[in-house]
Amino acid sequence: MSGHGVKRSGGASYSCTTLGGVAVSVGIAVVVSLRHMHELCLRHGEDHLAAVLIPPAVDSTIVVVSMSILLANRYGRRGGALARTLPLRNPPPDLT
């Protein structure tokens, strides 16, 4: 039984299949994201080194922030004053 009272069927083969599917999806997303950001950097005047370094820096920052949010949520922590007021001070840009 899992922690939520739902019985899993398939055991290890189910877990391996799920993990494999997630790994393939993540791999494709990483390649597409890095290629897209690399080309975008070059198109906007960055040199080759910056165009190589910026995409993984952005993606890894997103992963770290996402994991931090999940961890804080798991322990019932809420964002501080900055997290509550930043959206008010900096509204999202108009993309139209």
PDB file of N, CA and C in Angstrom:
ATOM      1  N   MET A   1       0.837  -1.176   0.000  1.00  0.00           N
ATOM      2  CA  MET A   1       0.000   0.000   0.000  1.00  0.00           C
ATOM      3  C   MET A   1       0.885   1.243   0.000  1.00  0.00           C
ATOM      4  N   SER A   2       0.481   2.230  -0.769  1.00  0.00           N
ATOM      5  CA  SER A   2       1.209   3.483  -0.777  1.00  0.00           C
ATOM      6  C   SER A   2       0.762   4.321   0.412  1.00  0.00           C
ATOM      7  N   GLY A   3       1.382   5.467   0.590  1.00  0.00           N
ATOM      8  CA  GLY A   3       1.069   6.349   1.696  1.00  0.00           C
ATOM      9  C   GLY A   3      -0.339   6.915   1.640  1.00  0.00           C
ATOM     10  N   HIS A   4      -1.012   6.850   0.512  1.00  0.00           N
ATOM     11  CA  HIS A   4      -2.345   7.419   0.367  1.00  0.00           C
ATOM     12  C   HIS A   4      -3.434   6.353   0.363  1.00  0.00           C
ATOM     13  N   GLY A   5      -3.109   5.135   0.734  1.00  0.00           N
ATOM     14  CA  GLY A   5      -4.107   4.086   0.807  1.00  0.00           C
ATOM     15  C   GLY A   5      -4.512   3.516  -0.539  1.00  0.00           C
ATOM     16  N   VAL A   6      -3.748   3.777  -1.588  1.00  0.00           N
ATOM     17  CA  VAL A   6      -4.057   3.252  -2.912  1.00  0.00           C
ATOM     18  C   VAL A   6      -3.113   2.098  -3.191  1.00  0.00           C
ATOM     19  N   LYS A   7      -3.661   0.934  -3.455  1.00  0.00           N
ATOM     20  CA  LYS A   7      -2.826  -0.225  -3.741  1.00  0.00           C
ATOM     21  C   LYS A   7      -2.333  -0.165  -5.178  1.00  0.00           C
ATOM     22  N   ARG A   8      -1.038  -0.348  -5.331  1.00  0.00           N
ATOM     23  CA  ARG A   8      -0.441  -0.339  -6.663  1.00  0.00           C
ATOM     24  C   ARG A   8      -0.364  -1.764  -7.181  1.00  0.00           C
ATOM     25  N   SER A   9      -0.646  -1.924  -8.449  1.00  0.00           N
ATOM     26  CA  SER A   9      -0.470  -3.236  -9.061  1.00  0.00           C
ATOM     27  C   SER A   9       0.707  -3.168 -10.016  1.00  0.00           C
ATOM     28  N   GLY A  10       1.402  -4.241 -10.148  1.00  0.00           N
ATOM     29  CA  GLY A  10       2.516  -4.277 -11.091  1.00  0.00           C
ATOM     30  C   GLY A  10       3.863  -4.153 -10.428  1.00  0.00           C
ATOM     31  N   GLY A  11       3.932  -3.590  -9.261  1.00  0.00           N
ATOM     32  CA  GLY A  11       5.169  -3.502  -8.493  1.00  0.00           C
ATOM     33  C   GLY A  11       6.310  -2.839  -9.219  1.00  0.00           C
ATOM     34  N   ALA A  12       7.453  -3.532  -9.238  1.00  0.00           N
ATOM     35  CA  ALA A  12       8.687  -2.973  -9.784  1.00  0.00           C
ATOM     36  C   ALA A  12       8.585  -2.703 -11.276  1.00  0.00           C
ATOM     37  N   SER A  13       7.901  -3.546 -12.034  1.00  0.00           N
ATOM     38  CA  SER A  13       7.798  -3.320 -13.478  1.00  0.00           C
ATOM     39  C   SER A  13       7.001  -2.049 -13.765  1.00  0.00           C
ATOM     40  N   TYR A  14       5.964  -1.803 -12.961  1.00  0.00           N
ATOM     41  CA  TYR A  14       5.179  -0.578 -13.100  1.00  0.00           C
ATOM     42  C   TYR A  14       6.050   0.637 -12.820  1.00  0.00           C
ATOM     43  N   SER A  15       6.846   0.568 -11.748  1.00  0.00           N
ATOM     44  CA  SER A  15       7.721   1.681 -11.381  1.00  0.00           C
ATOM     45  C   SER A  15       8.775   1.934 -12.455  1.00  0.00           C
ATOM     46  N   CYS A  16       9.368   0.867 -12.983  1.00  0.00           N
ATOM     47  CA  CYS A  16      10.390   1.013 -14.020  1.00  0.00           C
ATOM     48  C   CYS A  16       9.805   1.611 -15.302  1.00  0.00           C
ATOM     49  N   THR A  17       8.603   1.177 -15.661  1.00  0.00           N
ATOM     50  CA  THR A  17       7.953   1.709 -16.858  1.00  0.00           C
ATOM     51  C   THR A  17       7.636   3.195 -16.674  1.00  0.00           C
ATOM     52  N   THR A  18       7.121   3.543 -15.494  1.00  0.00           N
ATOM     53  CA  THR A  18       6.813   4.945 -15.210  1.00  0.00           C
ATOM     54  C   THR A  18       8.081   5.791 -15.236  1.00  0.00           C
ATOM     55  N   LEU A  19       9.113   5.326 -14.558  1.00  0.00           N
ATOM     56  CA  LEU A  19      10.380   6.048 -14.524  1.00  0.00           C
ATOM     57  C   LEU A  19      10.965   6.198 -15.925  1.00  0.00           C
ATOM     58  N   GLY A  20      10.896   5.144 -16.723  1.00  0.00           N
ATOM     59  CA  GLY A  20      11.406   5.213 -18.095  1.00  0.00           C
ATOM     60  C   GLY A  20      10.638   6.214 -18.939  1.00  0.00           C
ATOM     61  N   GLY A  21       9.311   6.201 -18.810  1.00  0.00           N
ATOM     62  CA  GLY A  21       8.489   7.160 -19.561  1.00  0.00           C
ATOM     63  C   GLY A  21       8.776   8.599 -19.176  1.00  0.00           C
ATOM     64  N   VAL A  22       8.924   8.831 -17.873  1.00  0.00           N
ATOM     65  CA  VAL A  22       9.240  10.182 -17.403  1.00  0.00           C
ATOM     66  C   VAL A  22      10.622  10.593 -17.887  1.00  0.00           C
ATOM     67  N   ALA A  23      11.591   9.692 -17.829  1.00  0.00           N
ATOM     68  CA  ALA A  23      12.951  10.010 -18.262  1.00  0.00           C
ATOM     69  C   ALA A  23      12.997  10.372 -19.751  1.00  0.00           C
ATOM     70  N   VAL A  24      12.274   9.633 -20.587  1.00  0.00           N
ATOM     71  CA  VAL A  24      12.236   9.944 -22.022  1.00  0.00           C
ATOM     72  C   VAL A  24      11.600  11.314 -22.246  1.00  0.00           C
ATOM     73  N   SER A  25      10.491  11.575 -21.576  1.00  0.00           N
ATOM     74  CA  SER A  25       9.815  12.867 -21.731  1.00  0.00           C
ATOM     75  C   SER A  25      10.700  14.023 -21.284  1.00  0.00           C
ATOM     76  N   VAL A  26      11.354  13.849 -20.152  1.00  0.00           N
ATOM     77  CA  VAL A  26      12.248  14.897 -19.640  1.00  0.00           C
ATOM     78  C   VAL A  26      13.423  15.089 -20.590  1.00  0.00           C
ATOM     79  N   GLY A  27      13.976  14.005 -21.100  1.00  0.00           N
ATOM     80  CA  GLY A  27      15.096  14.115 -22.033  1.00  0.00           C
ATOM     81  C   GLY A  27      14.737  14.899 -23.282  1.00  0.00           C
ATOM     82  N   ILE A  28      13.579  14.610 -23.831  1.00  0.00           N
ATOM     83  CA  ILE A  28      13.126  15.344 -25.022  1.00  0.00           C
ATOM     84  C   ILE A  28      12.916  16.813 -24.689  1.00  0.00           C
ATOM     85  N   ALA A  29      12.280  17.096 -23.565  1.00  0.00           N
ATOM     86  CA  ALA A  29      12.026  18.480 -23.167  1.00  0.00           C
ATOM     87  C   ALA A  29      13.330  19.249 -22.957  1.00  0.00           C
ATOM     88  N   VAL A  30      14.318  18.599 -22.361  1.00  0.00           N
ATOM     89  CA  VAL A  30      15.612  19.257 -22.127  1.00  0.00           C
ATOM     90  C   VAL A  30      16.289  19.598 -23.445  1.00  0.00           C
ATOM     91  N   VAL A  31      16.335  18.660 -24.368  1.00  0.00           N
ATOM     92  CA  VAL A  31      16.985  18.901 -25.660  1.00  0.00           C
ATOM     93  C   VAL A  31      16.297  20.038 -26.412  1.00  0.00           C
ATOM     94  N   VAL A  32      14.975  19.992 -26.476  1.00  0.00           N
ATOM     95  CA  VAL A  32      14.229  21.034 -27.197  1.00  0.00           C
ATOM     96  C   VAL A  32      14.427  22.391 -26.525  1.00  0.00           C
ATOM     97  N   SER A  33      14.352  22.423 -25.200  1.00  0.00           N
ATOM     98  CA  SER A  33      14.514  23.672 -24.468  1.00  0.00           C
ATOM     99  C   SER A  33      15.906  24.265 -24.674  1.00  0.00           C
ATOM    100  N   LEU A  34      16.933  23.437 -24.525  1.00  0.00           N
ATOM    101  CA  LEU A  34      18.304  23.936 -24.674  1.00  0.00           C
ATOM    102  C   LEU A  34      18.571  24.428 -26.088  1.00  0.00           C
ATOM    103  N   ARG A  35      18.104  23.695 -27.093  1.00  0.00           N
ATOM    104  CA  ARG A  35      18.297  24.135 -28.478  1.00  0.00           C
ATOM    105  C   ARG A  35      17.580  25.453 -28.736  1.00  0.00           C
ATOM    106  N   HIS A  36      16.358  25.557 -28.241  1.00  0.00           N
ATOM    107  CA  HIS A  36      15.572  26.771 -28.453  1.00  0.00           C
ATOM    108  C   HIS A  36      16.252  27.973 -27.793  1.00  0.00           C
ATOM    109  N   MET A  37      16.637  27.822 -26.530  1.00  0.00           N
ATOM    110  CA  MET A  37      17.268  28.950 -25.835  1.00  0.00           C
ATOM    111  C   MET A  37      18.631  29.299 -26.431  1.00  0.00           C
ATOM    112  N   HIS A  38      19.385  28.293 -26.882  1.00  0.00           N
ATOM    113  CA  HIS A  38      20.681  28.551 -27.507  1.00  0.00           C
ATOM    114  C   HIS A  38      20.499  29.414 -28.756  1.00  0.00           C
ATOM    115  N   GLU A  39      19.559  29.027 -29.602  1.00  0.00           N
ATOM    116  CA  GLU A  39      19.308  29.803 -30.816  1.00  0.00           C
ATOM    117  C   GLU A  39      18.802  31.203 -30.487  1.00  0.00           C
ATOM    118  N   LEU A  40      17.952  31.297 -29.471  1.00  0.00           N
ATOM    119  CA  LEU A  40      17.423  32.593 -29.057  1.00  0.00           C
ATOM    120  C   LEU A  40      18.543  33.507 -28.567  1.00  0.00           C
ATOM    121  N   CYS A  41      19.468  32.965 -27.796  1.00  0.00           N
ATOM    122  CA  CYS A  41      20.608  33.751 -27.316  1.00  0.00           C
ATOM    123  C   CYS A  41      21.460  34.259 -28.475  1.00  0.00           C
ATOM    124  N   LEU A  42      21.757  33.377 -29.427  1.00  0.00           N
ATOM    125  CA  LEU A  42      22.554  33.789 -30.583  1.00  0.00           C
ATOM    126  C   LEU A  42      21.833  34.857 -31.394  1.00  0.00           C
ATOM    127  N   ARG A  43      20.547  34.682 -31.584  1.00  0.00           N
ATOM    128  CA  ARG A  43      19.752  35.628 -32.360  1.00  0.00           C
ATOM    129  C   ARG A  43      19.721  37.012 -31.706  1.00  0.00           C
ATOM    130  N   HIS A  44      19.832  37.047 -30.381  1.00  0.00           N
ATOM    131  CA  HIS A  44      19.779  38.325 -29.670  1.00  0.00           C
ATOM    132  C   HIS A  44      21.162  38.862 -29.311  1.00  0.00           C
ATOM    133  N   GLY A  45      22.189  38.370 -30.001  1.00  0.00           N
ATOM    134  CA  GLY A  45      23.510  38.984 -29.920  1.00  0.00           C
ATOM    135  C   GLY A  45      24.471  38.416 -28.887  1.00  0.00           C
ATOM    136  N   GLU A  46      24.110  37.344 -28.199  1.00  0.00           N
ATOM    137  CA  GLU A  46      25.058  36.752 -27.245  1.00  0.00           C
ATOM    138  C   GLU A  46      26.148  36.017 -28.017  1.00  0.00           C
ATOM    139  N   ASP A  47      27.370  35.985 -27.428  1.00  0.00           N
ATOM    140  CA  ASP A  47      28.433  35.229 -28.076  1.00  0.00           C
ATOM    141  C   ASP A  47      28.200  33.731 -27.863  1.00  0.00           C
ATOM    142  N   HIS A  48      29.012  32.906 -28.527  1.00  0.00           N
ATOM    143  CA  HIS A  48      28.777  31.460 -28.498  1.00  0.00           C
ATOM    144  C   HIS A  48      28.863  30.895 -27.076  1.00  0.00           C
ATOM    145  N   LEU A  49      29.853  31.333 -26.292  1.00  0.00           N
ATOM    146  CA  LEU A  49      30.005  30.816 -24.932  1.00  0.00           C
ATOM    147  C   LEU A  49      28.770  31.126 -24.086  1.00  0.00           C
ATOM    148  N   ALA A  50      28.307  32.360 -24.146  1.00  0.00           N
ATOM    149  CA  ALA A  50      27.106  32.739 -23.387  1.00  0.00           C
ATOM    150  C   ALA A  50      25.898  31.942 -23.872  1.00  0.00           C
ATOM    151  N   ALA A  51      25.795  31.738 -25.185  1.00  0.00           N
ATOM    152  CA  ALA A  51      24.666  30.986 -25.745  1.00  0.00           C
ATOM    153  C   ALA A  51      24.700  29.523 -25.307  1.00  0.00           C
ATOM    154  N   VAL A  52      25.881  29.011 -24.981  1.00  0.00           N
ATOM    155  CA  VAL A  52      25.996  27.645 -24.476  1.00  0.00           C
ATOM    156  C   VAL A  52      25.700  27.586 -22.977  1.00  0.00           C
ATOM    157  N   LEU A  53      26.121  28.607 -22.213  1.00  0.00           N
ATOM    158  CA  LEU A  53      25.985  28.577 -20.755  1.00  0.00           C
ATOM    159  C   LEU A  53      24.622  29.037 -20.240  1.00  0.00           C
ATOM    160  N   ILE A  54      23.989  29.964 -20.915  1.00  0.00           N
ATOM    161  CA  ILE A  54      22.720  30.516 -20.425  1.00  0.00           C
ATOM    162  C   ILE A  54      21.610  29.465 -20.351  1.00  0.00           C
ATOM    163  N   PRO A  55      21.373  28.653 -21.389  1.00  0.00           N
ATOM    164  CA  PRO A  55      20.260  27.692 -21.306  1.00  0.00           C
ATOM    165  C   PRO A  55      20.310  26.732 -20.117  1.00  0.00           C
ATOM    166  N   PRO A  56      21.442  26.063 -19.842  1.00  0.00           N
ATOM    167  CA  PRO A  56      21.422  25.188 -18.667  1.00  0.00           C
ATOM    168  C   PRO A  56      21.307  25.957 -17.358  1.00  0.00           C
ATOM    169  N   ALA A  57      21.813  27.191 -17.322  1.00  0.00           N
ATOM    170  CA  ALA A  57      21.678  28.001 -16.111  1.00  0.00           C
ATOM    171  C   ALA A  57      20.213  28.328 -15.845  1.00  0.00           C
ATOM    172  N   VAL A  58      19.485  28.683 -16.886  1.00  0.00           N
ATOM    173  CA  VAL A  58      18.061  28.994 -16.735  1.00  0.00           C
ATOM    174  C   VAL A  58      17.284  27.746 -16.342  1.00  0.00           C
ATOM    175  N   ASP A  59      17.501  26.642 -17.041  1.00  0.00           N
ATOM    176  CA  ASP A  59      16.773  25.405 -16.736  1.00  0.00           C
ATOM    177  C   ASP A  59      17.075  24.906 -15.326  1.00  0.00           C
ATOM    178  N   SER A  60      18.341  24.962 -14.909  1.00  0.00           N
ATOM    179  CA  SER A  60      18.675  24.488 -13.566  1.00  0.00           C
ATOM    180  C   SER A  60      18.085  25.397 -12.495  1.00  0.00           C
ATOM    181  N   THR A  61      18.011  26.696 -12.774  1.00  0.00           N
ATOM    182  CA  THR A  61      17.372  27.612 -11.827  1.00  0.00           C
ATOM    183  C   THR A  61      15.895  27.269 -11.668  1.00  0.00           C
ATOM    184  N   ILE A  62      15.232  26.962 -12.765  1.00  0.00           N
ATOM    185  CA  ILE A  62      13.820  26.581 -12.704  1.00  0.00           C
ATOM    186  C   ILE A  62      13.650  25.298 -11.891  1.00  0.00           C
ATOM    187  N   VAL A  63      14.529  24.325 -12.068  1.00  0.00           N
ATOM    188  CA  VAL A  63      14.450  23.077 -11.311  1.00  0.00           C
ATOM    189  C   VAL A  63      14.652  23.337  -9.820  1.00  0.00           C
ATOM    190  N   VAL A  64      15.653  24.145  -9.472  1.00  0.00           N
ATOM    191  CA  VAL A  64      15.941  24.427  -8.066  1.00  0.00           C
ATOM    192  C   VAL A  64      14.768  25.156  -7.411  1.00  0.00           C
ATOM    193  N   VAL A  65      14.214  26.142  -8.089  1.00  0.00           N
ATOM    194  CA  VAL A  65      13.080  26.883  -7.536  1.00  0.00           C
ATOM    195  C   VAL A  65      11.870  25.963  -7.381  1.00  0.00           C
ATOM    196  N   SER A  66      11.610  25.130  -8.375  1.00  0.00           N
ATOM    197  CA  SER A  66      10.483  24.199  -8.299  1.00  0.00           C
ATOM    198  C   SER A  66      10.644  23.240  -7.122  1.00  0.00           C
ATOM    199  N   MET A  67      11.837  22.691  -6.939  1.00  0.00           N
ATOM    200  CA  MET A  67      12.074  21.783  -5.818  1.00  0.00           C
ATOM    201  C   MET A  67      11.937  22.511  -4.487  1.00  0.00           C
ATOM    202  N   SER A  68      12.389  23.763  -4.421  1.00  0.00           N
ATOM    203  CA  SER A  68      12.254  24.549  -3.193  1.00  0.00           C
ATOM    204  C   SER A  68      10.790  24.787  -2.842  1.00  0.00           C
ATOM    205  N   ILE A  69       9.988  25.091  -3.850  1.00  0.00           N
ATOM    206  CA  ILE A  69       8.553  25.301  -3.625  1.00  0.00           C
ATOM    207  C   ILE A  69       7.894  24.007  -3.148  1.00  0.00           C
ATOM    208  N   LEU A  70       8.221  22.881  -3.790  1.00  0.00           N
ATOM    209  CA  LEU A  70       7.657  21.598  -3.377  1.00  0.00           C
ATOM    210  C   LEU A  70       8.059  21.238  -1.952  1.00  0.00           C
ATOM    211  N   LEU A  71       9.320  21.466  -1.598  1.00  0.00           N
ATOM    212  CA  LEU A  71       9.799  21.162  -0.258  1.00  0.00           C
ATOM    213  C   LEU A  71       9.112  22.050   0.781  1.00  0.00           C
ATOM    214  N   ALA A  72       9.005  23.341   0.486  1.00  0.00           N
ATOM    215  CA  ALA A  72       8.325  24.251   1.410  1.00  0.00           C
ATOM    216  C   ALA A  72       6.870  23.843   1.593  1.00  0.00           C
ATOM    217  N   ASN A  73       6.216  23.459   0.512  1.00  0.00           N
ATOM    218  CA  ASN A  73       4.828  23.021   0.593  1.00  0.00           C
ATOM    219  C   ASN A  73       4.702  21.743   1.426  1.00  0.00           C
ATOM    220  N   ARG A  74       5.643  20.838   1.249  1.00  0.00           N
ATOM    221  CA  ARG A  74       5.612  19.577   2.003  1.00  0.00           C
ATOM    222  C   ARG A  74       5.684  19.831   3.510  1.00  0.00           C
ATOM    223  N   TYR A  75       6.456  20.842   3.918  1.00  0.00           N
ATOM    224  CA  TYR A  75       6.605  21.145   5.338  1.00  0.00           C
ATOM    225  C   TYR A  75       5.647  22.238   5.810  1.00  0.00           C
ATOM    226  N   GLY A  76       4.705  22.609   4.951  1.00  0.00           N
ATOM    227  CA  GLY A  76       3.676  23.566   5.347  1.00  0.00           C
ATOM    228  C   GLY A  76       4.155  24.994   5.497  1.00  0.00           C
ATOM    229  N   ARG A  77       5.250  25.319   4.880  1.00  0.00           N
ATOM    230  CA  ARG A  77       5.771  26.688   4.969  1.00  0.00           C
ATOM    231  C   ARG A  77       5.122  27.562   3.914  1.00  0.00           C
ATOM    232  N   ARG A  78       4.884  28.785   4.281  1.00  0.00           N
ATOM    233  CA  ARG A  78       4.329  29.750   3.335  1.00  0.00           C
ATOM    234  C   ARG A  78       5.422  30.733   2.966  1.00  0.00           C
ATOM    235  N   GLY A  79       5.262  31.381   1.831  1.00  0.00           N
ATOM    236  CA  GLY A  79       6.251  32.364   1.407  1.00  0.00           C
ATOM    237  C   GLY A  79       6.288  33.549   2.352  1.00  0.00           C
ATOM    238  N   GLY A  80       7.413  34.196   2.417  1.00  0.00           N
ATOM    239  CA  GLY A  80       7.561  35.368   3.265  1.00  0.00           C
ATOM    240  C   GLY A  80       6.964  36.606   2.624  1.00  0.00           C
ATOM    241  N   ALA A  81       7.306  37.743   3.172  1.00  0.00           N
ATOM    242  CA  ALA A  81       6.759  39.014   2.697  1.00  0.00           C
ATOM    243  C   ALA A  81       7.115  39.265   1.232  1.00  0.00           C
ATOM    244  N   LEU A  82       8.313  38.914   0.836  1.00  0.00           N
ATOM    245  CA  LEU A  82       8.724  39.127  -0.556  1.00  0.00           C
ATOM    246  C   LEU A  82       7.841  38.336  -1.509  1.00  0.00           C
ATOM    247  N   ALA A  83       7.576  37.079  -1.184  1.00  0.00           N
ATOM    248  CA  ALA A  83       6.745  36.239  -2.053  1.00  0.00           C
ATOM    249  C   ALA A  83       5.320  36.772  -2.154  1.00  0.00           C
ATOM    250  N   ARG A  84       4.817  37.374  -1.083  1.00  0.00           N
ATOM    251  CA  ARG A  84       3.441  37.884  -1.098  1.00  0.00           C
ATOM    252  C   ARG A  84       3.321  39.241  -1.780  1.00  0.00           C
ATOM    253  N   THR A  85       4.364  40.065  -1.732  1.00  0.00           N
ATOM    254  CA  THR A  85       4.261  41.427  -2.267  1.00  0.00           C
ATOM    255  C   THR A  85       4.892  41.614  -3.638  1.00  0.00           C
ATOM    256  N   LEU A  86       5.794  40.748  -4.047  1.00  0.00           N
ATOM    257  CA  LEU A  86       6.466  40.911  -5.339  1.00  0.00           C
ATOM    258  C   LEU A  86       5.493  40.954  -6.511  1.00  0.00           C
ATOM    259  N   PRO A  87       4.482  40.067  -6.560  1.00  0.00           N
ATOM    260  CA  PRO A  87       3.539  40.160  -7.684  1.00  0.00           C
ATOM    261  C   PRO A  87       2.778  41.485  -7.720  1.00  0.00           C
ATOM    262  N   LEU A  88       2.587  42.098  -6.580  1.00  0.00           N
ATOM    263  CA  LEU A  88       1.888  43.384  -6.544  1.00  0.00           C
ATOM    264  C   LEU A  88       2.768  44.511  -7.073  1.00  0.00           C
ATOM    265  N   ARG A  89       4.056  44.431  -6.777  1.00  0.00           N
ATOM    266  CA  ARG A  89       4.988  45.473  -7.226  1.00  0.00           C
ATOM    267  C   ARG A  89       5.394  45.300  -8.676  1.00  0.00           C
ATOM    268  N   ASN A  90       5.415  44.073  -9.165  1.00  0.00           N
ATOM    269  CA  ASN A  90       5.855  43.793 -10.524  1.00  0.00           C
ATOM    270  C   ASN A  90       4.790  42.954 -11.243  1.00  0.00           C
ATOM    271  N   PRO A  91       3.768  43.594 -11.759  1.00  0.00           N
ATOM    272  CA  PRO A  91       2.725  42.799 -12.444  1.00  0.00           C
ATOM    273  C   PRO A  91       3.302  42.157 -13.706  1.00  0.00           C
ATOM    274  N   PRO A  92       2.703  41.053 -14.143  1.00  0.00           N
ATOM    275  CA  PRO A  92       3.206  40.392 -15.343  1.00  0.00           C
ATOM    276  C   PRO A  92       3.127  41.299 -16.550  1.00  0.00           C
ATOM    277  N   PRO A  93       4.052  41.149 -17.508  1.00  0.00           N
ATOM    278  CA  PRO A  93       4.032  42.009 -18.690  1.00  0.00           C
ATOM    279  C   PRO A  93       2.830  41.701 -19.583  1.00  0.00           C
ATOM    280  N   ASP A  94       2.438  42.702 -20.332  1.00  0.00           N
ATOM    281  CA  ASP A  94       1.348  42.521 -21.304  1.00  0.00           C
ATOM    282  C   ASP A  94       1.953  41.905 -22.556  1.00  0.00           C
ATOM    283  N   LEU A  95       1.565  40.693 -22.869  1.00  0.00           N
ATOM    284  CA  LEU A  95       2.148  39.959 -23.995  1.00  0.00           C
ATOM    285  C   LEU A  95       1.327  40.073 -25.261  1.00  0.00           C
ATOM    286  N   THR A  96       0.349  40.949 -25.267  1.00  0.00           N
ATOM    287  CA  THR A  96      -0.490  41.091 -26.478  1.00  0.00           C
ATOM    288  C   THR A  96       0.135  42.029 -27.471  1.00  0.00           C
TER     289      THR A  96
END
